[in-house]
Structure formats: structure tokens, C-alpha cells
Amino acid sequence: MIVLATVFVTLAAALHIGIFIMESVAWARPAIWKRFGVASQEAADTTRPMAYNQGFYNLFLAIGAIVGLILYGVGMHAAGLALILFTMASMVAAAIVLVTTGRGYVRAALIQGTLPLVGFVLMLLA
């Protein structure tokens, strides 16, 4: 069970690293900001600082999950598990908040929240 849990936690971290890259590194590309529902270059330029900041939140959650996995893997089970559960719960909570912003965000919230939810549950069962 721990192997499967680790896979889901790793995938959740990888997804959030991808989100970081889109929001903080590649935001200037129209294909990226359009993916986030931004309608124009002007709006993308206006929201760029916010996207940059938000991307780093995603990166920090991913780093937390990875550090948690490393701690767990080297025998620091309590610390690793606590960090993994906290970061997975934070990712799920962020997805729930995303849903509350409008019906148009349900798909994005499911993408953002499913992997960490499964990882959270599997870690509890491991």
C-alpha cells in the first residue's frame, strides 16, 4: 500500500510543479494564460504578478510533499507522514476553494485535487 500511496503523492507533487511552471515561468505564453481562462494579453499582463505568486504556492506544496516522502523513506515516519498529510490536505483544500469560485472551475479543481486526495487516503491506510 505504501508504494501506491507514494506514487499518488509523487504525482500530486509533479502536477503542482507543472502548475508552478505554467503560472510562474511560462505565464507570458498565450497558450498558458488561455488555459487558465484569461481572455486577453492585457488581462494576462495584469494578472501576471498574481499568477507568479500563486505558482510559488504550488511549488512550495510540491516541495513539502517531496521532503515528506524523503523523510518517510529514511525512517522518519512520523515527521514524513505529518508533512505529506499536511501538503496533501492543503492541495485538496485549495481545490475545494477553487470550486467555490464558480462552476467553470470544477474540472480544474478535480484535476488539482484528485491526486492529493487519493494520496492522503492511501497514506492513512499504509
Protein backbone atom coordinates (compact mmCIF):
# COMPACT_ATOMS: atom_id res chain seq x y z
CA MET A 1 0.00 0.00 0.00
CA ILE A 2 2.86 2.39 0.77
CA VAL A 3 4.18 2.05 -2.78
CA LEU A 4 0.82 3.05 -4.25
CA ALA A 5 0.50 5.90 -1.74
CA THR A 6 3.96 7.12 -2.69
CA VAL A 7 3.04 7.06 -6.37
CA PHE A 8 -0.03 9.24 -5.81
CA VAL A 9 1.82 11.68 -3.56
CA THR A 10 4.60 11.92 -6.15
CA LEU A 11 2.09 12.50 -8.97
CA ALA A 12 0.36 15.21 -6.92
CA ALA A 13 3.73 16.90 -6.34
CA ALA A 14 4.61 16.64 -10.04
CA LEU A 15 1.26 18.16 -11.03
CA HIS A 16 1.84 21.09 -8.70
CA ILE A 17 5.34 21.59 -10.08
CA GLY A 18 3.74 21.70 -13.54
CA ILE A 19 1.26 24.31 -12.33
CA PHE A 20 4.18 26.30 -10.90
CA ILE A 21 5.92 26.24 -14.27
CA MET A 22 2.78 27.40 -16.06
CA GLU A 23 1.95 30.19 -13.61
CA SER A 24 5.40 31.45 -12.62
CA VAL A 25 7.64 30.66 -15.59
CA ALA A 26 5.53 30.39 -18.76
CA TRP A 27 2.63 32.77 -17.99
CA ALA A 28 3.56 35.12 -20.88
CA ARG A 29 2.65 32.45 -23.46
CA PRO A 30 -0.93 32.84 -24.73
CA ALA A 31 -1.45 29.07 -24.73
CA ILE A 32 -0.76 29.08 -20.98
CA TRP A 33 -2.84 32.03 -19.82
CA LYS A 34 -5.73 30.96 -22.05
CA ARG A 35 -5.67 27.56 -20.29
CA PHE A 36 -6.43 29.47 -17.08
CA GLY A 37 -9.37 31.30 -18.65
CA VAL A 38 -7.63 34.63 -19.17
CA ALA A 39 -9.23 36.37 -22.14
CA SER A 40 -6.58 38.77 -23.45
CA GLN A 41 -2.92 39.70 -23.41
CA GLU A 42 -3.81 42.80 -21.41
CA ALA A 43 -5.56 40.70 -18.76
CA ALA A 44 -2.63 38.26 -18.74
CA ASP A 45 -0.21 41.13 -18.17
CA THR A 46 -2.39 42.46 -15.36
CA THR A 47 -2.68 39.09 -13.63
CA ARG A 48 0.95 38.07 -14.18
CA PRO A 49 2.15 39.11 -10.68
CA MET A 50 -0.72 37.20 -9.08
CA ALA A 51 -0.05 34.11 -11.21
CA TYR A 52 3.66 34.32 -10.41
CA ASN A 53 2.91 34.38 -6.68
CA GLN A 54 0.31 31.63 -6.89
CA GLY A 55 2.70 29.43 -8.82
CA PHE A 56 5.16 29.55 -5.96
CA TYR A 57 2.47 28.39 -3.53
CA ASN A 58 2.05 25.33 -5.74
CA LEU A 59 5.81 24.79 -5.82
CA PHE A 60 6.11 25.02 -2.03
CA LEU A 61 3.35 22.44 -1.57
CA ALA A 62 5.11 20.12 -4.00
CA ILE A 63 8.42 20.58 -2.19
CA GLY A 64 6.70 19.81 1.11
CA ALA A 65 5.31 16.58 -0.29
CA ILE A 66 8.68 15.55 -1.70
CA VAL A 67 10.50 16.34 1.55
CA GLY A 68 7.81 14.38 3.40
CA LEU A 69 8.39 11.38 1.16
CA ILE A 70 12.14 11.61 1.71
CA LEU A 71 11.73 11.83 5.48
CA TYR A 72 9.34 8.90 5.43
CA GLY A 73 11.73 6.92 3.25
CA VAL A 74 14.72 7.42 5.55
CA GLY A 75 12.81 6.17 8.57
CA MET A 76 11.49 9.43 9.99
CA HIS A 77 7.96 8.11 9.56
CA ALA A 78 6.10 10.45 11.92
CA ALA A 79 7.66 13.63 10.53
CA GLY A 80 7.37 12.44 6.93
CA LEU A 81 3.77 11.36 7.34
CA ALA A 82 2.82 14.63 9.02
CA LEU A 83 4.37 16.66 6.21
CA ILE A 84 2.82 14.50 3.50
CA LEU A 85 -0.64 14.67 5.07
CA PHE A 86 -0.39 18.43 5.57
CA THR A 87 0.65 19.12 1.98
CA MET A 88 -1.90 16.72 0.50
CA ALA A 89 -4.66 18.23 2.66
CA SER A 90 -3.57 21.73 1.59
CA MET A 91 -3.76 20.75 -2.07
CA VAL A 92 -7.25 19.29 -1.56
CA ALA A 93 -8.35 22.38 0.36
CA ALA A 94 -7.08 24.60 -2.47
CA ALA A 95 -9.13 22.54 -4.93
CA ILE A 96 -12.23 22.99 -2.76
CA VAL A 97 -11.63 26.75 -2.66
CA LEU A 98 -11.27 26.71 -6.45
CA VAL A 99 -14.70 25.09 -6.80
CA THR A 100 -16.24 27.83 -4.67
CA THR A 101 -15.13 30.46 -7.18
CA GLY A 102 -17.50 29.22 -9.86
CA ARG A 103 -18.89 26.27 -11.77
CA GLY A 104 -16.39 26.80 -14.55
CA TYR A 105 -13.60 25.66 -12.25
CA VAL A 106 -14.95 22.23 -11.34
CA ARG A 107 -12.78 20.43 -13.92
CA ALA A 108 -9.64 22.27 -12.81
CA ALA A 109 -10.45 21.55 -9.17
CA LEU A 110 -10.89 17.85 -9.91
CA ILE A 111 -7.54 17.79 -11.70
CA GLN A 112 -5.87 19.69 -8.86
CA GLY A 113 -7.50 17.81 -6.01
CA THR A 114 -7.94 14.17 -7.00
CA LEU A 115 -4.31 13.00 -6.85
CA PRO A 116 -3.63 14.53 -3.42
CA LEU A 117 -6.94 13.23 -2.05
CA VAL A 118 -6.10 9.69 -3.12
CA GLY A 119 -2.54 10.13 -1.82
CA PHE A 120 -3.86 11.37 1.53
CA VAL A 121 -6.22 8.44 1.96
CA LEU A 122 -3.63 5.87 0.87
CA MET A 123 -1.05 7.30 3.27
CA LEU A 124 -3.53 6.94 6.11
CA LEU A 125 -4.14 3.31 5.13
CA ALA A 126 -0.46 2.43 4.64
